[in-house]
Amino acid sequence: MKASELRQKSDVELSKELLGLRKAQFSLRMQLATQQLNNSSQLGKVRKDVARIKTIQCERAAKK
């Protein structure tokens, strides 16, 4: 997911997206712990997407 796409979303949409990514991250961590995760690079992608959303949320909070 690109930062430019995320910047076009509203605060509510970003919060929903963040919640979904956190759930996906938890699921991936559980799969990793039980050795069921096939593609471990998914963990890094989800982590980076979470960081992008949190960065945009902090930028918006600083502008207010």
N, C-alpha and C. Protein backbone atom coordinates (compact mmCIF):
# COMPACT_ATOMS: atom_id res chain seq x y z
N MET A 1 0.83 -1.16 0.00
CA MET A 1 0.00 0.00 0.00
C MET A 1 0.89 1.24 0.00
N LYS A 2 0.58 2.17 -0.87
CA LYS A 2 1.40 3.37 -0.99
C LYS A 2 0.91 4.46 -0.05
N ALA A 3 1.82 5.30 0.37
CA ALA A 3 1.48 6.39 1.28
C ALA A 3 0.53 7.37 0.60
N SER A 4 0.67 7.58 -0.69
CA SER A 4 -0.22 8.50 -1.40
C SER A 4 -1.66 8.00 -1.37
N GLU A 5 -1.85 6.70 -1.45
CA GLU A 5 -3.19 6.12 -1.36
C GLU A 5 -3.77 6.32 0.04
N LEU A 6 -2.91 6.17 1.04
CA LEU A 6 -3.37 6.31 2.41
C LEU A 6 -3.72 7.75 2.75
N ARG A 7 -2.99 8.70 2.18
CA ARG A 7 -3.25 10.10 2.47
C ARG A 7 -4.62 10.55 1.96
N GLN A 8 -5.15 9.86 0.96
CA GLN A 8 -6.45 10.22 0.40
C GLN A 8 -7.61 9.72 1.26
N LYS A 9 -7.33 8.82 2.20
CA LYS A 9 -8.38 8.27 3.04
C LYS A 9 -8.66 9.18 4.23
N SER A 10 -9.87 9.06 4.76
CA SER A 10 -10.24 9.86 5.93
C SER A 10 -9.66 9.23 7.20
N ASP A 11 -9.79 9.96 8.30
CA ASP A 11 -9.27 9.46 9.58
C ASP A 11 -9.97 8.16 10.00
N VAL A 12 -11.26 8.09 9.76
CA VAL A 12 -12.03 6.90 10.13
C VAL A 12 -11.59 5.70 9.29
N GLU A 13 -11.39 5.92 8.00
CA GLU A 13 -10.94 4.84 7.13
C GLU A 13 -9.55 4.36 7.52
N LEU A 14 -8.69 5.29 7.90
CA LEU A 14 -7.34 4.90 8.34
C LEU A 14 -7.40 4.07 9.61
N SER A 15 -8.28 4.44 10.52
CA SER A 15 -8.40 3.68 11.77
C SER A 15 -8.89 2.26 11.50
N LYS A 16 -9.85 2.13 10.59
CA LYS A 16 -10.35 0.80 10.23
C LYS A 16 -9.27 -0.02 9.55
N GLU A 17 -8.51 0.62 8.68
CA GLU A 17 -7.42 -0.07 7.99
C GLU A 17 -6.36 -0.53 8.98
N LEU A 18 -6.04 0.33 9.95
CA LEU A 18 -5.06 0.00 10.97
C LEU A 18 -5.52 -1.19 11.81
N LEU A 19 -6.79 -1.19 12.17
CA LEU A 19 -7.33 -2.30 12.95
C LEU A 19 -7.24 -3.62 12.18
N GLY A 20 -7.57 -3.57 10.89
CA GLY A 20 -7.48 -4.77 10.06
C GLY A 20 -6.05 -5.27 9.93
N LEU A 21 -5.12 -4.34 9.79
CA LEU A 21 -3.71 -4.72 9.66
C LEU A 21 -3.18 -5.30 10.97
N ARG A 22 -3.63 -4.75 12.10
CA ARG A 22 -3.20 -5.29 13.39
C ARG A 22 -3.69 -6.72 13.58
N LYS A 23 -4.92 -6.97 13.14
CA LYS A 23 -5.47 -8.34 13.23
C LYS A 23 -4.68 -9.28 12.33
N ALA A 24 -4.35 -8.81 11.13
CA ALA A 24 -3.57 -9.62 10.20
C ALA A 24 -2.18 -9.89 10.76
N GLN A 25 -1.60 -8.88 11.40
CA GLN A 25 -0.28 -9.04 11.99
C GLN A 25 -0.31 -10.08 13.11
N PHE A 26 -1.34 -10.03 13.94
CA PHE A 26 -1.47 -11.01 15.01
C PHE A 26 -1.60 -12.42 14.44
N SER A 27 -2.43 -12.55 13.40
CA SER A 27 -2.63 -13.85 12.77
C SER A 27 -1.31 -14.38 12.19
N LEU A 28 -0.56 -13.51 11.55
CA LEU A 28 0.72 -13.93 10.97
C LEU A 28 1.71 -14.34 12.05
N ARG A 29 1.71 -13.62 13.18
CA ARG A 29 2.61 -13.99 14.28
C ARG A 29 2.25 -15.35 14.84
N MET A 30 0.95 -15.63 14.94
CA MET A 30 0.53 -16.94 15.45
C MET A 30 0.92 -18.05 14.47
N GLN A 31 0.78 -17.78 13.17
CA GLN A 31 1.18 -18.76 12.17
C GLN A 31 2.69 -19.01 12.23
N LEU A 32 3.44 -17.94 12.47
CA LEU A 32 4.90 -18.08 12.58
C LEU A 32 5.26 -18.93 13.80
N ALA A 33 4.57 -18.69 14.90
CA ALA A 33 4.87 -19.42 16.13
C ALA A 33 4.54 -20.90 16.01
N THR A 34 3.49 -21.22 15.25
CA THR A 34 3.10 -22.62 15.08
C THR A 34 3.71 -23.24 13.82
N GLN A 35 4.61 -22.50 13.20
CA GLN A 35 5.33 -22.95 12.00
C GLN A 35 4.39 -23.29 10.85
N GLN A 36 3.34 -22.50 10.69
CA GLN A 36 2.42 -22.69 9.58
C GLN A 36 2.55 -21.59 8.53
N LEU A 37 3.43 -20.63 8.78
CA LEU A 37 3.59 -19.50 7.88
C LEU A 37 4.49 -19.89 6.72
N ASN A 38 3.95 -19.77 5.51
CA ASN A 38 4.71 -20.15 4.31
C ASN A 38 5.60 -19.01 3.83
N ASN A 39 5.07 -17.80 3.83
CA ASN A 39 5.80 -16.66 3.29
C ASN A 39 6.07 -15.67 4.43
N SER A 40 7.24 -15.71 5.00
CA SER A 40 7.55 -14.86 6.15
C SER A 40 7.72 -13.40 5.77
N SER A 41 7.83 -13.08 4.50
CA SER A 41 7.96 -11.68 4.10
C SER A 41 6.66 -10.91 4.29
N GLN A 42 5.56 -11.63 4.45
CA GLN A 42 4.27 -10.97 4.69
C GLN A 42 4.31 -10.19 6.01
N LEU A 43 5.02 -10.72 6.99
CA LEU A 43 5.12 -10.05 8.29
C LEU A 43 5.74 -8.66 8.14
N GLY A 44 6.80 -8.57 7.38
CA GLY A 44 7.46 -7.28 7.16
C GLY A 44 6.59 -6.30 6.41
N LYS A 45 5.85 -6.79 5.43
CA LYS A 45 4.97 -5.91 4.65
C LYS A 45 3.87 -5.33 5.53
N VAL A 46 3.29 -6.17 6.36
CA VAL A 46 2.22 -5.71 7.24
C VAL A 46 2.77 -4.70 8.25
N ARG A 47 3.95 -4.99 8.80
CA ARG A 47 4.56 -4.08 9.76
C ARG A 47 4.81 -2.70 9.15
N LYS A 48 5.29 -2.69 7.91
CA LYS A 48 5.57 -1.43 7.24
C LYS A 48 4.29 -0.66 6.93
N ASP A 49 3.22 -1.38 6.56
CA ASP A 49 1.94 -0.73 6.31
C ASP A 49 1.38 -0.11 7.59
N VAL A 50 1.53 -0.81 8.71
CA VAL A 50 1.10 -0.26 10.00
C VAL A 50 1.88 1.01 10.29
N ALA A 51 3.17 0.99 10.05
CA ALA A 51 4.01 2.16 10.31
C ALA A 51 3.61 3.32 9.41
N ARG A 52 3.27 3.04 8.17
CA ARG A 52 2.85 4.11 7.25
C ARG A 52 1.57 4.78 7.76
N ILE A 53 0.62 3.97 8.18
CA ILE A 53 -0.65 4.52 8.66
C ILE A 53 -0.43 5.34 9.92
N LYS A 54 0.37 4.82 10.84
CA LYS A 54 0.61 5.55 12.09
C LYS A 54 1.35 6.86 11.82
N THR A 55 2.24 6.87 10.84
CA THR A 55 2.97 8.09 10.48
C THR A 55 2.00 9.14 9.95
N ILE A 56 1.10 8.73 9.08
CA ILE A 56 0.12 9.67 8.51
C ILE A 56 -0.80 10.19 9.60
N GLN A 57 -1.21 9.32 10.52
CA GLN A 57 -2.07 9.77 11.61
C GLN A 57 -1.35 10.79 12.50
N CYS A 58 -0.07 10.57 12.76
CA CYS A 58 0.71 11.53 13.57
C CYS A 58 0.88 12.85 12.83
N GLU A 59 1.09 12.80 11.52
CA GLU A 59 1.22 14.02 10.74
C GLU A 59 -0.06 14.84 10.81
N ARG A 60 -1.19 14.16 10.69
CA ARG A 60 -2.49 14.85 10.74
C ARG A 60 -2.75 15.41 12.13
N ALA A 61 -2.35 14.70 13.16
CA ALA A 61 -2.55 15.19 14.53
C ALA A 61 -1.68 16.42 14.79
N ALA A 62 -0.51 16.48 14.21
CA ALA A 62 0.39 17.60 14.41
C ALA A 62 -0.13 18.87 13.72
N LYS A 63 -0.87 18.68 12.64
CA LYS A 63 -1.42 19.84 11.90
C LYS A 63 -2.58 20.48 12.64
N LYS A 64 -3.25 19.72 13.49
CA LYS A 64 -4.44 20.25 14.18
C LYS A 64 -4.08 21.15 15.33
